[in-house]
N, C-alpha and C. Protein backbone atom coordinates (compact mmCIF):
# COMPACT_ATOMS: atom_id res chain seq x y z
N MET A 1 0.85 -1.19 0.00
CA MET A 1 0.00 0.00 0.00
C MET A 1 0.89 1.24 0.00
N LEU A 2 0.58 2.17 -0.88
CA LEU A 2 1.31 3.43 -0.94
C LEU A 2 0.82 4.37 0.15
N GLN A 3 1.75 5.11 0.73
CA GLN A 3 1.39 6.11 1.73
C GLN A 3 1.75 7.48 1.18
N LYS A 4 0.81 8.42 1.23
CA LYS A 4 1.04 9.76 0.68
C LYS A 4 0.62 10.82 1.70
N LYS A 5 1.50 11.79 1.89
CA LYS A 5 1.21 12.91 2.80
C LYS A 5 0.55 14.03 2.00
N ILE A 6 -0.58 14.50 2.51
CA ILE A 6 -1.31 15.60 1.89
C ILE A 6 -1.52 16.69 2.94
N CYS A 7 -1.19 17.92 2.60
CA CYS A 7 -1.37 19.03 3.54
C CYS A 7 -2.60 19.85 3.17
N MET A 8 -3.29 20.32 4.19
CA MET A 8 -4.41 21.24 4.03
C MET A 8 -3.85 22.62 4.35
N VAL A 9 -3.90 23.52 3.37
CA VAL A 9 -3.27 24.83 3.52
C VAL A 9 -4.29 25.92 3.20
N GLY A 10 -4.26 27.01 3.97
CA GLY A 10 -5.16 28.13 3.71
C GLY A 10 -5.17 29.11 4.86
N ALA A 11 -5.92 30.18 4.70
CA ALA A 11 -6.07 31.17 5.75
C ALA A 11 -6.84 30.54 6.92
N PHE A 12 -6.88 31.23 8.05
CA PHE A 12 -7.64 30.72 9.19
C PHE A 12 -9.13 30.69 8.84
N ALA A 13 -9.84 29.72 9.41
CA ALA A 13 -11.31 29.61 9.30
C ALA A 13 -11.83 29.45 7.87
N THR A 14 -11.06 28.77 7.02
CA THR A 14 -11.55 28.52 5.65
C THR A 14 -12.28 27.19 5.55
N GLY A 15 -12.16 26.34 6.58
CA GLY A 15 -12.85 25.06 6.57
C GLY A 15 -11.94 23.86 6.39
N LYS A 16 -10.65 24.04 6.59
CA LYS A 16 -9.70 22.93 6.42
C LYS A 16 -10.05 21.74 7.33
N THR A 17 -10.22 22.02 8.61
CA THR A 17 -10.54 20.97 9.58
C THR A 17 -11.89 20.34 9.28
N SER A 18 -12.86 21.16 8.91
CA SER A 18 -14.20 20.64 8.59
C SER A 18 -14.18 19.72 7.37
N LEU A 19 -13.39 20.06 6.37
CA LEU A 19 -13.29 19.21 5.18
C LEU A 19 -12.68 17.86 5.53
N VAL A 20 -11.63 17.87 6.35
CA VAL A 20 -11.00 16.61 6.76
C VAL A 20 -11.98 15.79 7.59
N ALA A 21 -12.68 16.42 8.54
CA ALA A 21 -13.64 15.71 9.40
C ALA A 21 -14.76 15.08 8.57
N LYS A 22 -15.22 15.82 7.56
CA LYS A 22 -16.29 15.29 6.70
C LYS A 22 -15.78 14.09 5.89
N PHE A 23 -14.56 14.21 5.37
CA PHE A 23 -13.98 13.15 4.54
C PHE A 23 -13.65 11.89 5.36
N VAL A 24 -13.00 12.08 6.50
CA VAL A 24 -12.52 10.94 7.28
C VAL A 24 -13.62 10.33 8.15
N TYR A 25 -14.42 11.19 8.81
CA TYR A 25 -15.39 10.71 9.80
C TYR A 25 -16.86 10.93 9.41
N SER A 26 -17.10 11.57 8.26
CA SER A 26 -18.47 11.88 7.80
C SER A 26 -19.23 12.74 8.80
N ILE A 27 -18.53 13.66 9.45
CA ILE A 27 -19.20 14.55 10.41
C ILE A 27 -18.94 16.01 10.06
N PHE A 28 -19.85 16.87 10.52
CA PHE A 28 -19.68 18.32 10.37
C PHE A 28 -20.16 18.95 11.66
N SER A 29 -19.39 19.90 12.16
CA SER A 29 -19.78 20.61 13.37
C SER A 29 -19.82 22.11 13.07
N GLU A 30 -20.87 22.78 13.57
CA GLU A 30 -20.98 24.23 13.39
C GLU A 30 -19.99 24.96 14.30
N LYS A 31 -19.49 24.25 15.32
CA LYS A 31 -18.59 24.87 16.30
C LYS A 31 -17.21 25.06 15.68
N TYR A 32 -16.71 26.29 15.73
CA TYR A 32 -15.39 26.57 15.16
C TYR A 32 -14.31 26.13 16.14
N GLN A 33 -13.37 25.36 15.63
CA GLN A 33 -12.24 24.94 16.45
C GLN A 33 -10.95 25.35 15.76
N THR A 34 -10.16 26.15 16.45
CA THR A 34 -8.88 26.58 15.91
C THR A 34 -7.90 25.42 15.96
N THR A 35 -7.21 25.19 14.86
CA THR A 35 -6.17 24.17 14.86
C THR A 35 -4.90 24.79 15.42
N VAL A 36 -4.33 24.14 16.41
CA VAL A 36 -3.07 24.60 17.00
C VAL A 36 -1.98 23.71 16.44
N GLY A 37 -1.07 24.29 15.68
CA GLY A 37 0.00 23.50 15.07
C GLY A 37 -0.53 22.69 13.91
N VAL A 38 -0.57 21.38 14.10
CA VAL A 38 -1.02 20.50 13.02
C VAL A 38 -1.84 19.35 13.62
N LYS A 39 -2.87 18.93 12.90
CA LYS A 39 -3.68 17.79 13.31
C LYS A 39 -3.54 16.77 12.18
N ILE A 40 -3.25 15.52 12.55
CA ILE A 40 -3.00 14.51 11.53
C ILE A 40 -4.07 13.42 11.58
N ASP A 41 -4.65 13.13 10.42
CA ASP A 41 -5.63 12.06 10.28
C ASP A 41 -5.18 11.16 9.14
N LYS A 42 -5.76 9.95 9.10
CA LYS A 42 -5.43 9.01 8.02
C LYS A 42 -6.71 8.49 7.40
N LYS A 43 -6.63 8.19 6.11
CA LYS A 43 -7.77 7.57 5.43
C LYS A 43 -7.23 6.70 4.31
N ASN A 44 -7.71 5.48 4.26
CA ASN A 44 -7.34 4.56 3.17
C ASN A 44 -8.37 4.68 2.07
N LEU A 45 -7.90 4.67 0.83
CA LEU A 45 -8.81 4.66 -0.30
C LEU A 45 -8.17 3.95 -1.47
N GLU A 46 -9.02 3.62 -2.42
CA GLU A 46 -8.53 2.97 -3.63
C GLU A 46 -8.71 3.94 -4.79
N VAL A 47 -7.61 4.22 -5.46
CA VAL A 47 -7.61 5.14 -6.60
C VAL A 47 -6.85 4.46 -7.73
N GLN A 48 -7.46 4.41 -8.89
CA GLN A 48 -6.83 3.79 -10.07
C GLN A 48 -6.33 2.38 -9.73
N GLU A 49 -7.17 1.61 -9.05
CA GLU A 49 -6.86 0.24 -8.66
C GLU A 49 -5.61 0.15 -7.78
N GLN A 50 -5.30 1.22 -7.08
CA GLN A 50 -4.14 1.28 -6.20
C GLN A 50 -4.62 1.62 -4.78
N GLU A 51 -4.19 0.80 -3.80
CA GLU A 51 -4.51 1.11 -2.40
C GLU A 51 -3.62 2.26 -1.93
N LEU A 52 -4.26 3.27 -1.38
CA LEU A 52 -3.52 4.44 -0.90
C LEU A 52 -3.86 4.69 0.56
N ASN A 53 -2.86 5.03 1.35
CA ASN A 53 -3.07 5.47 2.71
C ASN A 53 -2.73 6.95 2.72
N LEU A 54 -3.75 7.79 2.80
CA LEU A 54 -3.51 9.23 2.84
C LEU A 54 -3.26 9.67 4.27
N ILE A 55 -2.17 10.37 4.47
CA ILE A 55 -1.85 10.98 5.76
C ILE A 55 -2.19 12.46 5.58
N LEU A 56 -3.27 12.90 6.24
CA LEU A 56 -3.79 14.26 6.04
C LEU A 56 -3.27 15.17 7.14
N TRP A 57 -2.48 16.15 6.75
CA TRP A 57 -1.92 17.12 7.68
C TRP A 57 -2.76 18.39 7.60
N ASP A 58 -3.56 18.61 8.62
CA ASP A 58 -4.40 19.80 8.71
C ASP A 58 -3.58 20.86 9.43
N LEU A 59 -3.03 21.80 8.66
CA LEU A 59 -2.15 22.83 9.23
C LEU A 59 -2.97 24.02 9.72
N TYR A 60 -2.51 24.64 10.80
CA TYR A 60 -3.20 25.82 11.31
C TYR A 60 -3.29 26.87 10.22
N GLY A 61 -4.35 27.67 10.27
CA GLY A 61 -4.56 28.69 9.25
C GLY A 61 -3.62 29.86 9.40
N GLU A 62 -3.24 30.41 8.27
CA GLU A 62 -2.35 31.57 8.30
C GLU A 62 -3.18 32.84 8.49
N ASP A 63 -2.66 33.74 9.33
CA ASP A 63 -3.25 35.08 9.50
C ASP A 63 -2.12 36.05 9.77
N GLU A 64 -2.46 37.28 10.16
CA GLU A 64 -1.41 38.28 10.35
C GLU A 64 -0.49 37.96 11.53
N PHE A 65 -0.90 37.06 12.42
CA PHE A 65 -0.09 36.73 13.59
C PHE A 65 0.69 35.43 13.41
N GLN A 66 0.15 34.50 12.63
CA GLN A 66 0.78 33.19 12.45
C GLN A 66 1.11 32.96 10.99
N LYS A 67 2.35 32.69 10.72
CA LYS A 67 2.77 32.37 9.35
C LYS A 67 2.98 30.86 9.24
N LEU A 68 2.77 30.34 8.06
CA LEU A 68 2.91 28.91 7.80
C LEU A 68 4.34 28.45 8.08
N ARG A 69 4.46 27.40 8.85
CA ARG A 69 5.79 26.82 9.10
C ARG A 69 6.07 25.83 7.97
N THR A 70 7.00 26.20 7.12
CA THR A 70 7.25 25.38 5.93
C THR A 70 7.80 24.00 6.29
N SER A 71 8.34 23.83 7.50
CA SER A 71 8.83 22.51 7.89
C SER A 71 7.69 21.48 7.91
N TYR A 72 6.45 21.94 8.16
CA TYR A 72 5.30 21.03 8.15
C TYR A 72 5.03 20.46 6.76
N LEU A 73 5.50 21.15 5.74
CA LEU A 73 5.22 20.74 4.36
C LEU A 73 6.15 19.64 3.85
N ARG A 74 7.29 19.46 4.53
CA ARG A 74 8.29 18.50 4.06
C ARG A 74 7.69 17.12 3.82
N GLY A 75 8.00 16.54 2.69
CA GLY A 75 7.54 15.19 2.39
C GLY A 75 6.13 15.12 1.80
N SER A 76 5.53 16.28 1.54
CA SER A 76 4.18 16.30 0.98
C SER A 76 4.18 15.81 -0.46
N SER A 77 3.19 14.98 -0.77
CA SER A 77 3.00 14.53 -2.14
C SER A 77 2.04 15.44 -2.89
N GLY A 78 1.28 16.24 -2.12
CA GLY A 78 0.31 17.16 -2.70
C GLY A 78 -0.36 17.95 -1.59
N TYR A 79 -1.20 18.90 -2.00
CA TYR A 79 -1.89 19.70 -0.99
C TYR A 79 -3.20 20.26 -1.53
N LEU A 80 -4.07 20.57 -0.59
CA LEU A 80 -5.32 21.25 -0.90
C LEU A 80 -5.18 22.67 -0.40
N LEU A 81 -5.41 23.61 -1.30
CA LEU A 81 -5.31 25.04 -1.01
C LEU A 81 -6.74 25.53 -0.81
N ILE A 82 -7.11 25.82 0.43
CA ILE A 82 -8.51 26.09 0.77
C ILE A 82 -8.80 27.58 0.83
N VAL A 83 -9.89 27.98 0.16
CA VAL A 83 -10.36 29.36 0.14
C VAL A 83 -11.79 29.37 0.69
N ASP A 84 -12.11 30.37 1.49
CA ASP A 84 -13.48 30.56 1.99
C ASP A 84 -14.16 31.52 1.02
N GLY A 85 -15.14 31.02 0.26
CA GLY A 85 -15.83 31.84 -0.74
C GLY A 85 -16.52 33.06 -0.16
N THR A 86 -16.80 33.05 1.15
CA THR A 86 -17.48 34.19 1.78
C THR A 86 -16.49 35.27 2.23
N ARG A 87 -15.19 35.00 2.07
CA ARG A 87 -14.16 35.99 2.46
C ARG A 87 -13.13 36.10 1.33
N LYS A 88 -13.30 37.14 0.51
CA LYS A 88 -12.44 37.34 -0.66
C LYS A 88 -10.96 37.39 -0.30
N SER A 89 -10.64 37.92 0.88
CA SER A 89 -9.24 38.05 1.29
C SER A 89 -8.53 36.68 1.37
N THR A 90 -9.29 35.60 1.57
CA THR A 90 -8.66 34.29 1.69
C THR A 90 -8.12 33.81 0.34
N LEU A 91 -8.61 34.38 -0.75
CA LEU A 91 -8.09 34.03 -2.07
C LEU A 91 -6.67 34.56 -2.23
N GLN A 92 -6.44 35.80 -1.83
CA GLN A 92 -5.08 36.36 -1.91
C GLN A 92 -4.14 35.60 -1.00
N THR A 93 -4.62 35.23 0.19
CA THR A 93 -3.80 34.42 1.10
C THR A 93 -3.43 33.11 0.41
N ALA A 94 -4.39 32.50 -0.28
CA ALA A 94 -4.13 31.24 -1.00
C ALA A 94 -3.06 31.43 -2.08
N PHE A 95 -3.15 32.54 -2.83
CA PHE A 95 -2.14 32.80 -3.86
C PHE A 95 -0.75 32.90 -3.22
N ASP A 96 -0.66 33.62 -2.10
CA ASP A 96 0.62 33.79 -1.40
C ASP A 96 1.14 32.45 -0.86
N LEU A 97 0.22 31.67 -0.28
CA LEU A 97 0.61 30.38 0.28
C LEU A 97 1.06 29.41 -0.81
N GLN A 98 0.41 29.46 -1.97
CA GLN A 98 0.80 28.57 -3.06
C GLN A 98 2.26 28.81 -3.44
N LYS A 99 2.65 30.08 -3.50
CA LYS A 99 4.06 30.41 -3.82
C LYS A 99 5.00 29.87 -2.74
N LYS A 100 4.60 30.03 -1.47
CA LYS A 100 5.42 29.55 -0.36
C LYS A 100 5.58 28.04 -0.40
N VAL A 101 4.48 27.34 -0.64
CA VAL A 101 4.52 25.88 -0.66
C VAL A 101 5.42 25.42 -1.80
N GLU A 102 5.27 26.05 -2.97
CA GLU A 102 6.08 25.66 -4.13
C GLU A 102 7.57 25.91 -3.86
N GLN A 103 7.89 27.01 -3.19
CA GLN A 103 9.29 27.28 -2.85
C GLN A 103 9.82 26.24 -1.87
N SER A 104 8.95 25.74 -1.02
CA SER A 104 9.36 24.80 0.01
C SER A 104 9.48 23.36 -0.50
N VAL A 105 8.47 22.87 -1.24
CA VAL A 105 8.47 21.46 -1.64
C VAL A 105 8.52 21.26 -3.16
N GLY A 106 8.60 22.35 -3.91
CA GLY A 106 8.63 22.23 -5.36
C GLY A 106 7.23 22.11 -5.93
N LYS A 107 7.17 21.76 -7.22
CA LYS A 107 5.87 21.65 -7.89
C LYS A 107 5.29 20.28 -7.63
N VAL A 108 4.38 20.22 -6.65
CA VAL A 108 3.65 18.98 -6.38
C VAL A 108 2.19 19.26 -6.70
N PRO A 109 1.41 18.23 -6.98
CA PRO A 109 0.00 18.45 -7.33
C PRO A 109 -0.78 19.13 -6.21
N PHE A 110 -1.70 20.00 -6.61
CA PHE A 110 -2.59 20.63 -5.64
C PHE A 110 -3.91 20.97 -6.30
N ILE A 111 -4.90 21.22 -5.46
CA ILE A 111 -6.21 21.65 -5.94
C ILE A 111 -6.61 22.87 -5.14
N LEU A 112 -7.13 23.87 -5.83
CA LEU A 112 -7.67 25.04 -5.16
C LEU A 112 -9.13 24.71 -4.83
N VAL A 113 -9.45 24.73 -3.54
CA VAL A 113 -10.78 24.36 -3.07
C VAL A 113 -11.52 25.63 -2.66
N LEU A 114 -12.64 25.88 -3.34
CA LEU A 114 -13.49 27.03 -3.01
C LEU A 114 -14.58 26.51 -2.09
N ASN A 115 -14.37 26.69 -0.80
CA ASN A 115 -15.24 26.07 0.20
C ASN A 115 -16.39 27.00 0.62
N LYS A 116 -17.35 26.40 1.29
CA LYS A 116 -18.54 27.06 1.84
C LYS A 116 -19.56 27.40 0.76
N TRP A 117 -19.69 26.50 -0.22
CA TRP A 117 -20.65 26.69 -1.31
C TRP A 117 -22.09 26.69 -0.79
N ASP A 118 -22.32 26.09 0.39
CA ASP A 118 -23.66 26.12 0.99
C ASP A 118 -24.07 27.54 1.38
N LEU A 119 -23.11 28.45 1.45
CA LEU A 119 -23.38 29.87 1.77
C LEU A 119 -23.23 30.73 0.52
N GLU A 120 -23.59 30.18 -0.63
CA GLU A 120 -23.38 30.85 -1.92
C GLU A 120 -23.91 32.28 -1.93
N ASP A 121 -25.05 32.55 -1.27
CA ASP A 121 -25.62 33.92 -1.26
C ASP A 121 -24.69 34.92 -0.58
N GLU A 122 -23.80 34.42 0.29
CA GLU A 122 -22.89 35.30 1.03
C GLU A 122 -21.51 35.38 0.38
N TRP A 123 -21.33 34.73 -0.76
CA TRP A 123 -20.00 34.69 -1.38
C TRP A 123 -19.54 36.08 -1.79
N GLU A 124 -18.26 36.35 -1.50
CA GLU A 124 -17.62 37.59 -1.95
C GLU A 124 -16.83 37.34 -3.23
N LEU A 125 -16.56 36.07 -3.55
CA LEU A 125 -15.86 35.75 -4.79
C LEU A 125 -16.85 35.82 -5.93
N ASP A 126 -16.45 36.48 -7.01
CA ASP A 126 -17.34 36.58 -8.16
C ASP A 126 -16.71 35.88 -9.36
N SER A 127 -17.40 35.92 -10.48
CA SER A 127 -16.91 35.20 -11.67
C SER A 127 -15.55 35.73 -12.13
N GLU A 128 -15.27 37.02 -11.91
CA GLU A 128 -13.95 37.56 -12.28
C GLU A 128 -12.85 36.90 -11.48
N ASN A 129 -13.06 36.74 -10.17
CA ASN A 129 -12.07 36.09 -9.32
C ASN A 129 -11.84 34.66 -9.78
N ILE A 130 -12.92 33.96 -10.09
CA ILE A 130 -12.82 32.57 -10.49
C ILE A 130 -12.14 32.44 -11.85
N GLU A 131 -12.42 33.40 -12.76
CA GLU A 131 -11.74 33.41 -14.07
C GLU A 131 -10.24 33.60 -13.90
N ALA A 132 -9.84 34.47 -12.96
CA ALA A 132 -8.41 34.72 -12.70
C ALA A 132 -7.72 33.43 -12.26
N ILE A 133 -8.41 32.63 -11.47
CA ILE A 133 -7.86 31.35 -11.02
C ILE A 133 -7.74 30.40 -12.21
N GLU A 134 -8.81 30.32 -13.00
CA GLU A 134 -8.82 29.40 -14.14
C GLU A 134 -7.74 29.75 -15.15
N GLN A 135 -7.43 31.06 -15.28
CA GLN A 135 -6.37 31.47 -16.22
C GLN A 135 -5.00 30.94 -15.77
N LYS A 136 -4.85 30.68 -14.48
CA LYS A 136 -3.60 30.11 -13.99
C LYS A 136 -3.50 28.63 -14.35
N GLY A 137 -4.63 28.04 -14.81
CA GLY A 137 -4.62 26.63 -15.17
C GLY A 137 -4.74 25.70 -13.97
N TRP A 138 -5.17 26.23 -12.83
CA TRP A 138 -5.29 25.41 -11.63
C TRP A 138 -6.58 24.63 -11.63
N THR A 139 -6.53 23.41 -11.10
CA THR A 139 -7.76 22.64 -10.88
C THR A 139 -8.48 23.29 -9.71
N THR A 140 -9.73 23.65 -9.93
CA THR A 140 -10.53 24.35 -8.92
C THR A 140 -11.84 23.60 -8.72
N ILE A 141 -12.18 23.34 -7.46
CA ILE A 141 -13.41 22.61 -7.15
C ILE A 141 -14.15 23.33 -6.03
N LYS A 142 -15.45 23.55 -6.24
CA LYS A 142 -16.30 24.15 -5.20
C LYS A 142 -16.78 23.06 -4.26
N THR A 143 -16.71 23.34 -2.96
CA THR A 143 -17.09 22.34 -1.95
C THR A 143 -17.96 22.96 -0.86
N SER A 144 -18.55 22.07 -0.09
CA SER A 144 -19.20 22.45 1.16
C SER A 144 -18.95 21.33 2.16
N ALA A 145 -18.18 21.65 3.20
CA ALA A 145 -17.95 20.65 4.25
C ALA A 145 -19.26 20.36 4.96
N LYS A 146 -20.15 21.34 5.00
CA LYS A 146 -21.43 21.18 5.70
C LYS A 146 -22.33 20.16 4.99
N THR A 147 -22.52 20.34 3.68
CA THR A 147 -23.42 19.45 2.93
C THR A 147 -22.69 18.23 2.38
N GLY A 148 -21.37 18.29 2.33
CA GLY A 148 -20.58 17.19 1.77
C GLY A 148 -20.32 17.34 0.28
N LEU A 149 -20.82 18.43 -0.33
CA LEU A 149 -20.65 18.65 -1.76
C LEU A 149 -19.17 18.57 -2.17
N ASN A 150 -18.85 17.64 -3.04
CA ASN A 150 -17.52 17.47 -3.63
C ASN A 150 -16.38 17.22 -2.65
N VAL A 151 -16.70 16.90 -1.39
CA VAL A 151 -15.63 16.68 -0.40
C VAL A 151 -14.81 15.46 -0.80
N GLU A 152 -15.46 14.34 -1.08
CA GLU A 152 -14.71 13.16 -1.50
C GLU A 152 -13.97 13.43 -2.79
N GLU A 153 -14.62 14.17 -3.70
CA GLU A 153 -14.02 14.44 -5.01
C GLU A 153 -12.66 15.14 -4.90
N ILE A 154 -12.53 16.10 -3.98
CA ILE A 154 -11.25 16.82 -3.90
C ILE A 154 -10.11 15.89 -3.50
N PHE A 155 -10.39 14.97 -2.58
CA PHE A 155 -9.33 14.05 -2.13
C PHE A 155 -9.02 13.01 -3.20
N TYR A 156 -10.04 12.46 -3.84
CA TYR A 156 -9.82 11.47 -4.90
C TYR A 156 -9.13 12.11 -6.11
N THR A 157 -9.54 13.33 -6.46
CA THR A 157 -8.92 14.02 -7.60
C THR A 157 -7.45 14.29 -7.32
N LEU A 158 -7.15 14.75 -6.10
CA LEU A 158 -5.75 15.02 -5.73
C LEU A 158 -4.95 13.71 -5.73
N ALA A 159 -5.53 12.65 -5.19
CA ALA A 159 -4.82 11.36 -5.16
C ALA A 159 -4.52 10.89 -6.59
N SER A 160 -5.47 11.07 -7.50
CA SER A 160 -5.23 10.70 -8.90
C SER A 160 -4.11 11.52 -9.51
N LYS A 161 -4.10 12.83 -9.23
CA LYS A 161 -3.04 13.69 -9.75
C LYS A 161 -1.67 13.24 -9.22
N ILE A 162 -1.64 12.84 -7.96
CA ILE A 162 -0.37 12.38 -7.35
C ILE A 162 0.09 11.09 -8.04
N LEU A 163 -0.81 10.16 -8.26
CA LEU A 163 -0.46 8.90 -8.91
C LEU A 163 -0.04 9.13 -10.36
N ASP A 164 -0.67 10.09 -11.04
CA ASP A 164 -0.33 10.38 -12.44
C ASP A 164 1.02 11.09 -12.56
N GLY A 165 1.38 11.83 -11.48
CA GLY A 165 2.59 12.66 -11.50
C GLY A 165 3.81 11.82 -11.44
């Protein structure tokens, strides 16, 4: 069985922990819990007829007080770059973090996750923002940790990209 480390990266309160909880345990909590340092979960799945053991590193969110510790990224096979669609500022944070991650671990597969689709009426991201992302050629998937929309898809898609790479 192959073992692959995947990091969850993004600004604070974008839904990184909720996405992992939904994927691994099929649960969602409205209660916000700050991740201190890193939280590690595991999930086995089969992708392209290959057994994979995903080691999910849920890294604390970056804000003006806490910067991403690049040592947490070492050994990553890929990452999910999480954006909160209701907070436009998290998109710029994601762009900055993507550069940092690439400088730290090189070009590894990643997916830009536009989370909180269940709150679509409150979204600050508009079609222009999404077009700017698409022009970069990044794989972008809209999700909702609350409803489960595309949660499994982001992990399976990333795992496929890692196996193809």
